[in-house]
N, C-alpha and C. Protein backbone atom coordinates (compact mmCIF):
# COMPACT_ATOMS: atom_id res chain seq x y z
N MET A 1 37.61 2.65 37.70
CA MET A 1 36.93 1.39 37.54
C MET A 1 35.42 1.57 37.63
N LYS A 2 34.97 2.38 38.63
CA LYS A 2 33.53 2.63 38.77
C LYS A 2 32.96 3.29 37.53
N LYS A 3 33.75 4.20 36.92
CA LYS A 3 33.29 4.91 35.73
C LYS A 3 33.08 3.93 34.58
N HIS A 4 34.00 2.98 34.41
CA HIS A 4 33.88 1.98 33.35
C HIS A 4 32.71 1.04 33.60
N LEU A 5 32.52 0.67 34.86
CA LEU A 5 31.42 -0.21 35.22
C LEU A 5 30.08 0.49 34.98
N SER A 6 30.00 1.77 35.34
CA SER A 6 28.78 2.54 35.11
C SER A 6 28.49 2.64 33.62
N SER A 7 29.51 2.90 32.82
CA SER A 7 29.34 3.00 31.36
C SER A 7 28.86 1.66 30.79
N LEU A 8 29.43 0.57 31.28
CA LEU A 8 29.04 -0.76 30.83
C LEU A 8 27.58 -1.05 31.19
N ILE A 9 27.17 -0.68 32.40
CA ILE A 9 25.79 -0.91 32.83
C ILE A 9 24.82 -0.08 31.99
N ILE A 10 25.16 1.17 31.74
CA ILE A 10 24.29 2.03 30.92
C ILE A 10 24.19 1.48 29.50
N ALA A 11 25.30 1.10 28.90
CA ALA A 11 25.29 0.55 27.54
C ALA A 11 24.47 -0.73 27.48
N SER A 12 24.61 -1.60 28.48
CA SER A 12 23.85 -2.85 28.51
C SER A 12 22.36 -2.58 28.63
N THR A 13 21.99 -1.61 29.45
CA THR A 13 20.59 -1.26 29.63
C THR A 13 19.99 -0.72 28.34
N VAL A 14 20.71 0.16 27.66
CA VAL A 14 20.24 0.72 26.39
C VAL A 14 20.06 -0.38 25.35
N LEU A 15 21.05 -1.26 25.22
CA LEU A 15 20.96 -2.35 24.25
C LEU A 15 19.81 -3.29 24.57
N ALA A 16 19.60 -3.58 25.84
CA ALA A 16 18.51 -4.48 26.23
C ALA A 16 17.15 -3.86 25.94
N ALA A 17 17.06 -2.55 25.95
CA ALA A 17 15.78 -1.88 25.71
C ALA A 17 15.44 -1.79 24.23
N LEU A 18 16.42 -1.96 23.36
CA LEU A 18 16.15 -1.87 21.93
C LEU A 18 15.35 -3.08 21.47
N PRO A 19 14.37 -2.88 20.59
CA PRO A 19 13.60 -4.01 20.11
C PRO A 19 14.45 -4.89 19.22
N LEU A 20 14.24 -6.19 19.33
CA LEU A 20 14.96 -7.12 18.47
C LEU A 20 14.21 -7.19 17.15
N ARG A 21 14.88 -6.82 16.09
CA ARG A 21 14.22 -6.80 14.79
C ARG A 21 14.96 -7.65 13.78
N ALA A 22 15.78 -8.53 14.22
CA ALA A 22 16.50 -9.38 13.29
C ALA A 22 15.56 -10.48 12.84
N GLY A 23 15.34 -10.58 11.56
CA GLY A 23 14.48 -11.61 11.03
C GLY A 23 15.31 -12.75 10.46
N VAL A 24 14.65 -13.85 10.15
CA VAL A 24 15.35 -14.98 9.56
C VAL A 24 15.33 -14.93 8.04
N SER A 25 14.58 -14.02 7.49
CA SER A 25 14.50 -13.90 6.04
C SER A 25 15.49 -12.85 5.56
N PRO A 26 16.26 -13.17 4.52
CA PRO A 26 17.16 -12.15 3.98
C PRO A 26 16.35 -11.02 3.34
N HIS A 27 16.97 -9.86 3.27
CA HIS A 27 16.32 -8.70 2.66
C HIS A 27 17.05 -8.33 1.39
N GLU A 28 16.32 -7.77 0.46
CA GLU A 28 16.89 -7.41 -0.83
C GLU A 28 16.28 -6.11 -1.32
N THR A 29 17.06 -5.37 -2.06
CA THR A 29 16.56 -4.20 -2.77
C THR A 29 16.77 -4.44 -4.25
N ILE A 30 15.69 -4.37 -5.00
CA ILE A 30 15.77 -4.49 -6.45
C ILE A 30 15.56 -3.10 -7.04
N THR A 31 16.28 -2.81 -8.09
CA THR A 31 16.19 -1.50 -8.72
C THR A 31 16.10 -1.67 -10.23
N ALA A 32 15.28 -0.85 -10.85
CA ALA A 32 15.15 -0.87 -12.30
C ALA A 32 14.92 0.55 -12.79
N THR A 33 15.33 0.78 -14.02
CA THR A 33 15.02 2.04 -14.70
C THR A 33 13.93 1.72 -15.71
N VAL A 34 12.78 2.38 -15.54
CA VAL A 34 11.64 2.15 -16.42
C VAL A 34 11.24 3.49 -17.02
N ASP A 35 11.40 3.62 -18.32
CA ASP A 35 11.06 4.86 -19.03
C ASP A 35 11.68 6.08 -18.34
N GLY A 36 12.93 5.93 -17.89
CA GLY A 36 13.66 7.03 -17.27
C GLY A 36 13.47 7.17 -15.77
N ALA A 37 12.50 6.46 -15.19
CA ALA A 37 12.26 6.52 -13.75
C ALA A 37 13.09 5.46 -13.03
N GLN A 38 13.69 5.85 -11.91
CA GLN A 38 14.38 4.89 -11.04
C GLN A 38 13.35 4.35 -10.05
N VAL A 39 13.12 3.05 -10.11
CA VAL A 39 12.13 2.40 -9.25
C VAL A 39 12.85 1.33 -8.45
N SER A 40 12.66 1.35 -7.12
CA SER A 40 13.28 0.31 -6.29
C SER A 40 12.25 -0.25 -5.31
N VAL A 41 12.47 -1.50 -4.95
CA VAL A 41 11.62 -2.18 -3.99
C VAL A 41 12.55 -2.86 -2.98
N THR A 42 12.34 -2.60 -1.70
CA THR A 42 13.11 -3.23 -0.63
C THR A 42 12.16 -4.11 0.16
N TYR A 43 12.51 -5.39 0.28
CA TYR A 43 11.58 -6.35 0.90
C TYR A 43 12.31 -7.52 1.54
N GLY A 44 11.62 -8.20 2.47
CA GLY A 44 12.11 -9.42 3.08
C GLY A 44 11.71 -10.61 2.22
N ARG A 45 12.61 -11.61 2.14
CA ARG A 45 12.40 -12.74 1.24
C ARG A 45 12.24 -14.06 2.02
N PRO A 46 11.06 -14.33 2.55
CA PRO A 46 10.86 -15.58 3.28
C PRO A 46 10.90 -16.80 2.35
N TYR A 47 11.16 -17.94 2.96
CA TYR A 47 11.23 -19.20 2.23
C TYR A 47 9.94 -19.99 2.41
N THR A 48 9.72 -20.93 1.50
CA THR A 48 8.59 -21.84 1.62
C THR A 48 8.80 -22.75 2.83
N LYS A 49 10.05 -23.18 3.05
CA LYS A 49 10.35 -24.05 4.20
C LYS A 49 10.34 -23.23 5.48
N LYS A 50 9.77 -23.81 6.52
CA LYS A 50 9.74 -23.16 7.83
C LYS A 50 11.18 -23.02 8.33
N PRO A 51 11.56 -21.84 8.82
CA PRO A 51 12.94 -21.62 9.27
C PRO A 51 13.40 -22.67 10.29
N GLY A 52 14.58 -23.21 10.06
CA GLY A 52 15.17 -24.17 10.98
C GLY A 52 14.64 -25.59 10.85
N THR A 53 13.77 -25.82 9.85
CA THR A 53 13.21 -27.16 9.66
C THR A 53 13.21 -27.50 8.16
N ASP A 54 12.77 -28.70 7.87
CA ASP A 54 12.55 -29.09 6.47
C ASP A 54 11.07 -29.08 6.12
N ASP A 55 10.24 -28.53 7.04
CA ASP A 55 8.80 -28.49 6.83
C ASP A 55 8.45 -27.48 5.74
N VAL A 56 7.78 -27.95 4.70
CA VAL A 56 7.34 -27.08 3.61
C VAL A 56 5.96 -26.54 3.98
N ARG A 57 5.86 -25.22 3.98
CA ARG A 57 4.60 -24.57 4.36
C ARG A 57 3.73 -24.32 3.13
N LYS A 58 2.42 -24.38 3.32
CA LYS A 58 1.49 -23.93 2.29
C LYS A 58 1.49 -22.41 2.38
N ILE A 59 1.75 -21.75 1.27
CA ILE A 59 1.89 -20.29 1.31
C ILE A 59 0.53 -19.62 1.14
N TRP A 60 -0.01 -19.63 -0.07
CA TRP A 60 -1.26 -18.91 -0.36
C TRP A 60 -2.43 -19.68 0.22
N GLY A 61 -3.16 -19.02 1.11
CA GLY A 61 -4.27 -19.66 1.80
C GLY A 61 -3.81 -20.38 3.05
N GLY A 62 -2.53 -20.31 3.37
CA GLY A 62 -1.96 -20.92 4.58
C GLY A 62 -1.20 -19.87 5.36
N LEU A 63 0.13 -19.83 5.16
CA LEU A 63 0.96 -18.82 5.82
C LEU A 63 0.47 -17.41 5.49
N VAL A 64 0.09 -17.22 4.24
CA VAL A 64 -0.49 -15.94 3.81
C VAL A 64 -1.98 -16.20 3.55
N PRO A 65 -2.83 -15.89 4.55
CA PRO A 65 -4.25 -16.20 4.42
C PRO A 65 -4.95 -15.38 3.34
N TYR A 66 -5.92 -16.00 2.70
CA TYR A 66 -6.74 -15.26 1.75
C TYR A 66 -7.65 -14.30 2.51
N GLY A 67 -7.90 -13.15 1.91
CA GLY A 67 -8.83 -12.20 2.49
C GLY A 67 -8.26 -11.34 3.61
N LYS A 68 -6.95 -11.44 3.89
CA LYS A 68 -6.32 -10.62 4.93
C LYS A 68 -5.12 -9.90 4.33
N VAL A 69 -4.91 -8.67 4.77
CA VAL A 69 -3.80 -7.87 4.25
C VAL A 69 -2.49 -8.49 4.72
N TRP A 70 -1.56 -8.61 3.78
CA TRP A 70 -0.24 -9.19 4.03
C TRP A 70 0.82 -8.12 3.75
N ARG A 71 1.92 -8.15 4.46
CA ARG A 71 2.96 -7.13 4.34
C ARG A 71 3.78 -7.24 3.05
N THR A 72 3.51 -8.22 2.21
CA THR A 72 4.22 -8.42 0.95
C THR A 72 5.70 -8.68 1.18
N GLY A 73 5.98 -9.70 1.96
CA GLY A 73 7.35 -10.06 2.29
C GLY A 73 7.44 -10.44 3.75
N ALA A 74 8.63 -10.34 4.31
CA ALA A 74 8.84 -10.71 5.72
C ALA A 74 9.42 -9.54 6.49
N ASP A 75 9.24 -9.59 7.80
CA ASP A 75 9.82 -8.61 8.73
C ASP A 75 9.23 -7.23 8.49
N ALA A 76 10.07 -6.25 8.15
CA ALA A 76 9.59 -4.89 7.89
C ALA A 76 8.73 -4.88 6.63
N ALA A 77 7.77 -3.99 6.60
CA ALA A 77 6.91 -3.89 5.42
C ALA A 77 7.73 -3.48 4.20
N THR A 78 7.28 -3.90 3.04
CA THR A 78 7.97 -3.65 1.78
C THR A 78 7.86 -2.19 1.37
N ILE A 79 8.99 -1.64 0.89
CA ILE A 79 9.05 -0.23 0.49
C ILE A 79 9.23 -0.11 -1.02
N LEU A 80 8.38 0.69 -1.63
CA LEU A 80 8.52 1.09 -3.03
C LEU A 80 9.04 2.52 -3.05
N ALA A 81 10.12 2.77 -3.80
CA ALA A 81 10.65 4.13 -3.94
C ALA A 81 10.73 4.45 -5.42
N THR A 82 10.37 5.68 -5.77
CA THR A 82 10.43 6.12 -7.15
C THR A 82 10.86 7.59 -7.21
N ASP A 83 11.61 7.94 -8.23
CA ASP A 83 12.02 9.33 -8.38
C ASP A 83 11.14 10.09 -9.37
N GLN A 84 10.14 9.40 -9.93
CA GLN A 84 9.18 10.04 -10.82
C GLN A 84 7.79 9.50 -10.50
N THR A 85 6.77 10.20 -10.96
CA THR A 85 5.40 9.78 -10.73
C THR A 85 5.08 8.52 -11.53
N LEU A 86 4.52 7.51 -10.84
CA LEU A 86 4.08 6.27 -11.48
C LEU A 86 2.57 6.19 -11.43
N VAL A 87 2.00 5.43 -12.35
CA VAL A 87 0.55 5.22 -12.36
C VAL A 87 0.29 3.72 -12.41
N PHE A 88 -0.36 3.19 -11.37
CA PHE A 88 -0.79 1.80 -11.29
C PHE A 88 -2.30 1.81 -11.43
N GLY A 89 -2.82 1.32 -12.54
CA GLY A 89 -4.27 1.38 -12.75
C GLY A 89 -4.73 2.81 -12.70
N ASP A 90 -5.63 3.14 -11.77
CA ASP A 90 -6.09 4.53 -11.64
C ASP A 90 -5.44 5.23 -10.43
N ILE A 91 -4.35 4.64 -9.91
CA ILE A 91 -3.67 5.22 -8.75
C ILE A 91 -2.42 5.97 -9.21
N THR A 92 -2.37 7.25 -8.93
CA THR A 92 -1.19 8.06 -9.22
C THR A 92 -0.29 8.05 -7.99
N VAL A 93 0.98 7.64 -8.20
CA VAL A 93 1.95 7.52 -7.11
C VAL A 93 3.05 8.55 -7.34
N PRO A 94 3.00 9.70 -6.64
CA PRO A 94 4.02 10.73 -6.82
C PRO A 94 5.41 10.21 -6.42
N ALA A 95 6.45 10.87 -6.91
CA ALA A 95 7.81 10.51 -6.52
C ALA A 95 7.89 10.47 -5.00
N GLY A 96 8.57 9.46 -4.46
CA GLY A 96 8.70 9.31 -3.02
C GLY A 96 8.78 7.86 -2.61
N LYS A 97 8.51 7.61 -1.32
CA LYS A 97 8.56 6.25 -0.76
C LYS A 97 7.19 5.87 -0.23
N TYR A 98 6.85 4.60 -0.45
CA TYR A 98 5.54 4.07 -0.08
C TYR A 98 5.70 2.64 0.43
N THR A 99 4.70 2.18 1.19
CA THR A 99 4.68 0.80 1.64
C THR A 99 3.71 0.02 0.76
N LEU A 100 4.13 -1.19 0.38
CA LEU A 100 3.28 -2.07 -0.42
C LEU A 100 2.71 -3.17 0.47
N PHE A 101 1.41 -3.35 0.39
CA PHE A 101 0.74 -4.46 1.04
C PHE A 101 -0.01 -5.23 -0.04
N THR A 102 -0.37 -6.45 0.27
CA THR A 102 -1.10 -7.29 -0.66
C THR A 102 -2.34 -7.83 0.03
N LEU A 103 -3.44 -7.86 -0.69
CA LEU A 103 -4.67 -8.49 -0.21
C LEU A 103 -4.96 -9.66 -1.16
N PRO A 104 -4.43 -10.87 -0.82
CA PRO A 104 -4.66 -12.01 -1.71
C PRO A 104 -6.05 -12.59 -1.52
N VAL A 105 -6.66 -13.00 -2.61
CA VAL A 105 -7.95 -13.69 -2.55
C VAL A 105 -7.82 -14.97 -3.36
N GLU A 106 -8.57 -15.98 -2.96
CA GLU A 106 -8.47 -17.28 -3.63
C GLU A 106 -9.06 -17.22 -5.03
N ASN A 107 -10.24 -16.65 -5.14
CA ASN A 107 -10.91 -16.54 -6.43
C ASN A 107 -11.26 -15.08 -6.66
N GLY A 108 -10.86 -14.56 -7.78
CA GLY A 108 -11.10 -13.14 -8.05
C GLY A 108 -9.78 -12.40 -8.07
N ALA A 109 -9.87 -11.08 -8.08
CA ALA A 109 -8.68 -10.24 -8.22
C ALA A 109 -8.07 -9.90 -6.86
N SER A 110 -6.83 -10.34 -6.67
CA SER A 110 -6.07 -9.92 -5.49
C SER A 110 -5.68 -8.47 -5.69
N LYS A 111 -5.39 -7.77 -4.61
CA LYS A 111 -5.11 -6.33 -4.68
C LYS A 111 -3.70 -6.02 -4.20
N LEU A 112 -3.08 -5.07 -4.88
CA LEU A 112 -1.86 -4.43 -4.40
C LEU A 112 -2.32 -3.15 -3.73
N ILE A 113 -1.90 -2.94 -2.48
CA ILE A 113 -2.27 -1.74 -1.72
C ILE A 113 -1.03 -0.86 -1.62
N ILE A 114 -1.18 0.39 -2.02
CA ILE A 114 -0.08 1.35 -1.94
C ILE A 114 -0.41 2.32 -0.82
N ASN A 115 0.45 2.34 0.20
CA ASN A 115 0.20 3.07 1.42
C ASN A 115 1.23 4.19 1.58
N LYS A 116 0.78 5.35 2.00
CA LYS A 116 1.67 6.52 2.16
C LYS A 116 2.57 6.42 3.39
N ARG A 117 2.15 5.65 4.39
CA ARG A 117 2.92 5.55 5.63
C ARG A 117 4.02 4.51 5.45
N THR A 118 5.23 4.81 5.92
CA THR A 118 6.34 3.87 5.84
C THR A 118 6.89 3.58 7.23
N GLY A 119 7.72 2.55 7.33
CA GLY A 119 8.37 2.22 8.59
C GLY A 119 7.64 1.20 9.43
N GLN A 120 6.61 0.58 8.90
CA GLN A 120 5.87 -0.41 9.67
C GLN A 120 6.71 -1.68 9.83
N TRP A 121 6.46 -2.39 10.91
CA TRP A 121 7.12 -3.65 11.18
C TRP A 121 6.06 -4.73 11.31
N GLY A 122 6.32 -5.88 10.75
CA GLY A 122 5.36 -6.97 10.86
C GLY A 122 4.10 -6.66 10.08
N ILE A 123 2.98 -7.07 10.62
CA ILE A 123 1.70 -6.85 9.93
C ILE A 123 0.82 -6.00 10.84
N PRO A 124 1.08 -4.68 10.88
CA PRO A 124 0.31 -3.81 11.77
C PRO A 124 -0.98 -3.32 11.14
N TYR A 125 -1.38 -3.93 10.03
CA TYR A 125 -2.44 -3.37 9.22
C TYR A 125 -3.81 -3.56 9.84
N ASN A 126 -4.41 -2.48 10.22
CA ASN A 126 -5.78 -2.46 10.67
C ASN A 126 -6.51 -1.64 9.61
N GLU A 127 -7.24 -2.33 8.75
CA GLU A 127 -7.82 -1.66 7.58
C GLU A 127 -8.64 -0.42 7.92
N LYS A 128 -9.35 -0.44 9.03
CA LYS A 128 -10.17 0.73 9.38
C LYS A 128 -9.29 1.94 9.66
N ASN A 129 -8.12 1.71 10.27
CA ASN A 129 -7.24 2.82 10.58
C ASN A 129 -6.30 3.16 9.43
N GLU A 130 -5.95 2.18 8.62
CA GLU A 130 -4.97 2.40 7.56
C GLU A 130 -5.56 2.92 6.26
N GLU A 131 -6.83 2.73 6.04
CA GLU A 131 -7.42 3.18 4.77
C GLU A 131 -7.16 4.65 4.52
N LYS A 132 -7.09 5.46 5.56
CA LYS A 132 -6.84 6.89 5.39
C LYS A 132 -5.42 7.14 4.88
N ASN A 133 -4.51 6.16 5.05
CA ASN A 133 -3.13 6.31 4.57
C ASN A 133 -2.91 5.69 3.19
N GLU A 134 -3.92 5.08 2.63
CA GLU A 134 -3.77 4.42 1.33
C GLU A 134 -3.88 5.43 0.19
N LEU A 135 -2.96 5.29 -0.77
CA LEU A 135 -3.16 5.98 -2.04
C LEU A 135 -4.25 5.26 -2.80
N GLY A 136 -4.30 3.93 -2.64
CA GLY A 136 -5.33 3.15 -3.29
C GLY A 136 -4.97 1.69 -3.42
N ARG A 137 -5.88 0.95 -4.07
CA ARG A 137 -5.72 -0.48 -4.32
C ARG A 137 -5.92 -0.73 -5.80
N VAL A 138 -5.10 -1.65 -6.31
CA VAL A 138 -5.19 -1.97 -7.73
C VAL A 138 -5.20 -3.49 -7.89
N ASP A 139 -6.00 -3.97 -8.86
CA ASP A 139 -6.08 -5.40 -9.14
C ASP A 139 -4.75 -5.92 -9.67
N MET A 140 -4.41 -7.14 -9.25
CA MET A 140 -3.22 -7.81 -9.76
C MET A 140 -3.66 -9.03 -10.57
N LYS A 141 -2.92 -9.30 -11.62
CA LYS A 141 -3.16 -10.49 -12.42
C LYS A 141 -2.52 -11.67 -11.71
N LYS A 142 -3.23 -12.80 -11.67
CA LYS A 142 -2.73 -14.00 -11.00
C LYS A 142 -2.44 -15.07 -12.05
N ASP A 143 -1.21 -15.60 -12.04
CA ASP A 143 -0.82 -16.66 -12.96
C ASP A 143 -0.26 -17.83 -12.17
N THR A 144 -0.42 -19.03 -12.73
CA THR A 144 0.18 -20.23 -12.16
C THR A 144 1.52 -20.45 -12.82
N LEU A 145 2.55 -20.67 -12.02
CA LEU A 145 3.90 -20.91 -12.53
C LEU A 145 4.12 -22.40 -12.76
N ASP A 146 4.92 -22.73 -13.77
CA ASP A 146 5.26 -24.13 -14.04
C ASP A 146 6.20 -24.70 -12.98
N THR A 147 7.10 -23.85 -12.49
CA THR A 147 8.08 -24.27 -11.49
C THR A 147 7.85 -23.50 -10.21
N ALA A 148 7.90 -24.20 -9.08
CA ALA A 148 7.68 -23.56 -7.79
C ALA A 148 8.84 -22.64 -7.44
N VAL A 149 8.52 -21.53 -6.80
CA VAL A 149 9.51 -20.57 -6.32
C VAL A 149 9.60 -20.76 -4.81
N ASP A 150 10.79 -21.20 -4.31
CA ASP A 150 10.97 -21.51 -2.89
C ASP A 150 11.06 -20.25 -2.03
N GLN A 151 11.66 -19.21 -2.57
CA GLN A 151 11.86 -17.98 -1.80
C GLN A 151 11.07 -16.85 -2.45
N PHE A 152 10.27 -16.15 -1.65
CA PHE A 152 9.47 -15.05 -2.17
C PHE A 152 10.36 -14.11 -2.98
N THR A 153 9.92 -13.78 -4.18
CA THR A 153 10.72 -12.97 -5.10
C THR A 153 9.86 -11.89 -5.73
N MET A 154 10.41 -10.67 -5.74
CA MET A 154 9.76 -9.56 -6.42
C MET A 154 10.65 -9.11 -7.57
N ALA A 155 10.03 -8.55 -8.59
CA ALA A 155 10.78 -8.04 -9.74
C ALA A 155 10.08 -6.80 -10.27
N VAL A 156 10.88 -5.88 -10.79
CA VAL A 156 10.37 -4.72 -11.52
C VAL A 156 10.99 -4.84 -12.91
N GLU A 157 10.14 -4.97 -13.91
CA GLU A 157 10.62 -5.17 -15.28
C GLU A 157 10.03 -4.12 -16.21
N SER A 158 10.81 -3.75 -17.21
CA SER A 158 10.30 -2.86 -18.25
C SER A 158 9.38 -3.66 -19.16
N ASN A 159 8.34 -3.00 -19.62
CA ASN A 159 7.41 -3.60 -20.57
C ASN A 159 7.83 -3.10 -21.95
N PRO A 160 8.06 -4.00 -22.92
CA PRO A 160 8.50 -3.56 -24.25
C PRO A 160 7.59 -2.52 -24.89
N SER A 161 6.29 -2.52 -24.55
CA SER A 161 5.36 -1.56 -25.12
C SER A 161 5.29 -0.26 -24.32
N GLY A 162 6.15 -0.14 -23.28
CA GLY A 162 6.18 1.06 -22.45
C GLY A 162 5.73 0.76 -21.04
N GLY A 163 6.24 1.53 -20.12
CA GLY A 163 5.91 1.31 -18.71
C GLY A 163 6.64 0.11 -18.16
N GLY A 164 6.11 -0.43 -17.08
CA GLY A 164 6.75 -1.57 -16.44
C GLY A 164 5.73 -2.48 -15.81
N VAL A 165 6.28 -3.54 -15.17
CA VAL A 165 5.44 -4.52 -14.49
C VAL A 165 6.10 -4.84 -13.15
N LEU A 166 5.31 -4.82 -12.09
CA LEU A 166 5.75 -5.26 -10.77
C LEU A 166 5.25 -6.69 -10.61
N LYS A 167 6.18 -7.62 -10.27
CA LYS A 167 5.82 -9.03 -10.13
C LYS A 167 6.15 -9.54 -8.73
N LEU A 168 5.26 -10.38 -8.20
CA LEU A 168 5.44 -11.04 -6.91
C LEU A 168 5.29 -12.54 -7.16
N SER A 169 6.33 -13.32 -6.87
CA SER A 169 6.28 -14.76 -7.14
C SER A 169 6.65 -15.54 -5.89
N TRP A 170 5.84 -16.59 -5.63
CA TRP A 170 6.12 -17.48 -4.50
C TRP A 170 5.26 -18.72 -4.66
N GLU A 171 5.80 -19.85 -4.27
CA GLU A 171 5.15 -21.13 -4.44
C GLU A 171 4.94 -21.28 -5.95
N LYS A 172 3.75 -21.59 -6.39
CA LYS A 172 3.50 -21.73 -7.83
C LYS A 172 2.59 -20.63 -8.35
N THR A 173 2.64 -19.46 -7.67
CA THR A 173 1.77 -18.34 -8.04
C THR A 173 2.60 -17.10 -8.30
N GLN A 174 2.20 -16.39 -9.34
CA GLN A 174 2.80 -15.08 -9.62
C GLN A 174 1.67 -14.06 -9.76
N PHE A 175 1.80 -12.96 -9.01
CA PHE A 175 0.90 -11.83 -9.15
C PHE A 175 1.67 -10.74 -9.88
N SER A 176 0.99 -10.02 -10.76
CA SER A 176 1.67 -8.93 -11.47
C SER A 176 0.71 -7.77 -11.67
N VAL A 177 1.30 -6.58 -11.77
CA VAL A 177 0.51 -5.38 -12.01
C VAL A 177 1.35 -4.44 -12.87
N PRO A 178 0.79 -3.98 -13.99
CA PRO A 178 1.52 -3.04 -14.84
C PRO A 178 1.46 -1.62 -14.28
N PHE A 179 2.42 -0.82 -14.68
CA PHE A 179 2.43 0.60 -14.30
C PHE A 179 3.05 1.40 -15.43
N THR A 180 2.77 2.70 -15.43
CA THR A 180 3.37 3.61 -16.40
C THR A 180 4.08 4.73 -15.64
N VAL A 181 4.95 5.40 -16.35
CA VAL A 181 5.64 6.56 -15.79
C VAL A 181 4.96 7.79 -16.35
N LYS A 182 4.50 8.67 -15.47
CA LYS A 182 3.79 9.87 -15.89
C LYS A 182 4.82 10.90 -16.34
N LYS A 183 4.65 11.40 -17.51
CA LYS A 183 5.59 12.39 -18.08
C LYS A 183 5.09 13.80 -17.85
């Protein structure tokens, strides 16, 4: 009996020490084949409505402030994985896994930040410390959507003229950035 009680106490202590990382936003992995490259994005999908309420939040310039780095989703930072080298603007992204961050701005070009470090939780971004881990930043095109998107949505689509497009949609805004596959 003492042995079972000791095992139960040890197990309870270990479980209590583990960080709680359960978020309220569902997570999704999207995958696409673009010019022969397997590209996937794993991200948290927060809603416009505040969890547990009917309160609709202002997203851009509210929940996601302008001029501050955002984790591009909810909970754990968003992961981009590719089995071939991709090129976003002037940024070469070798095959591997990377974290995507976003720097939204109200007027002007918002930035997609591609970071070499993975496994971040929440918004740990301290630009002075993280810049050394960045592959780079690329401008994103900003469009207004006709229909509001309630749940943050990302997509990787093939471009008929070659390469692909990474899209981020939420509220009535869509950001997009084209990329090519390096041969």
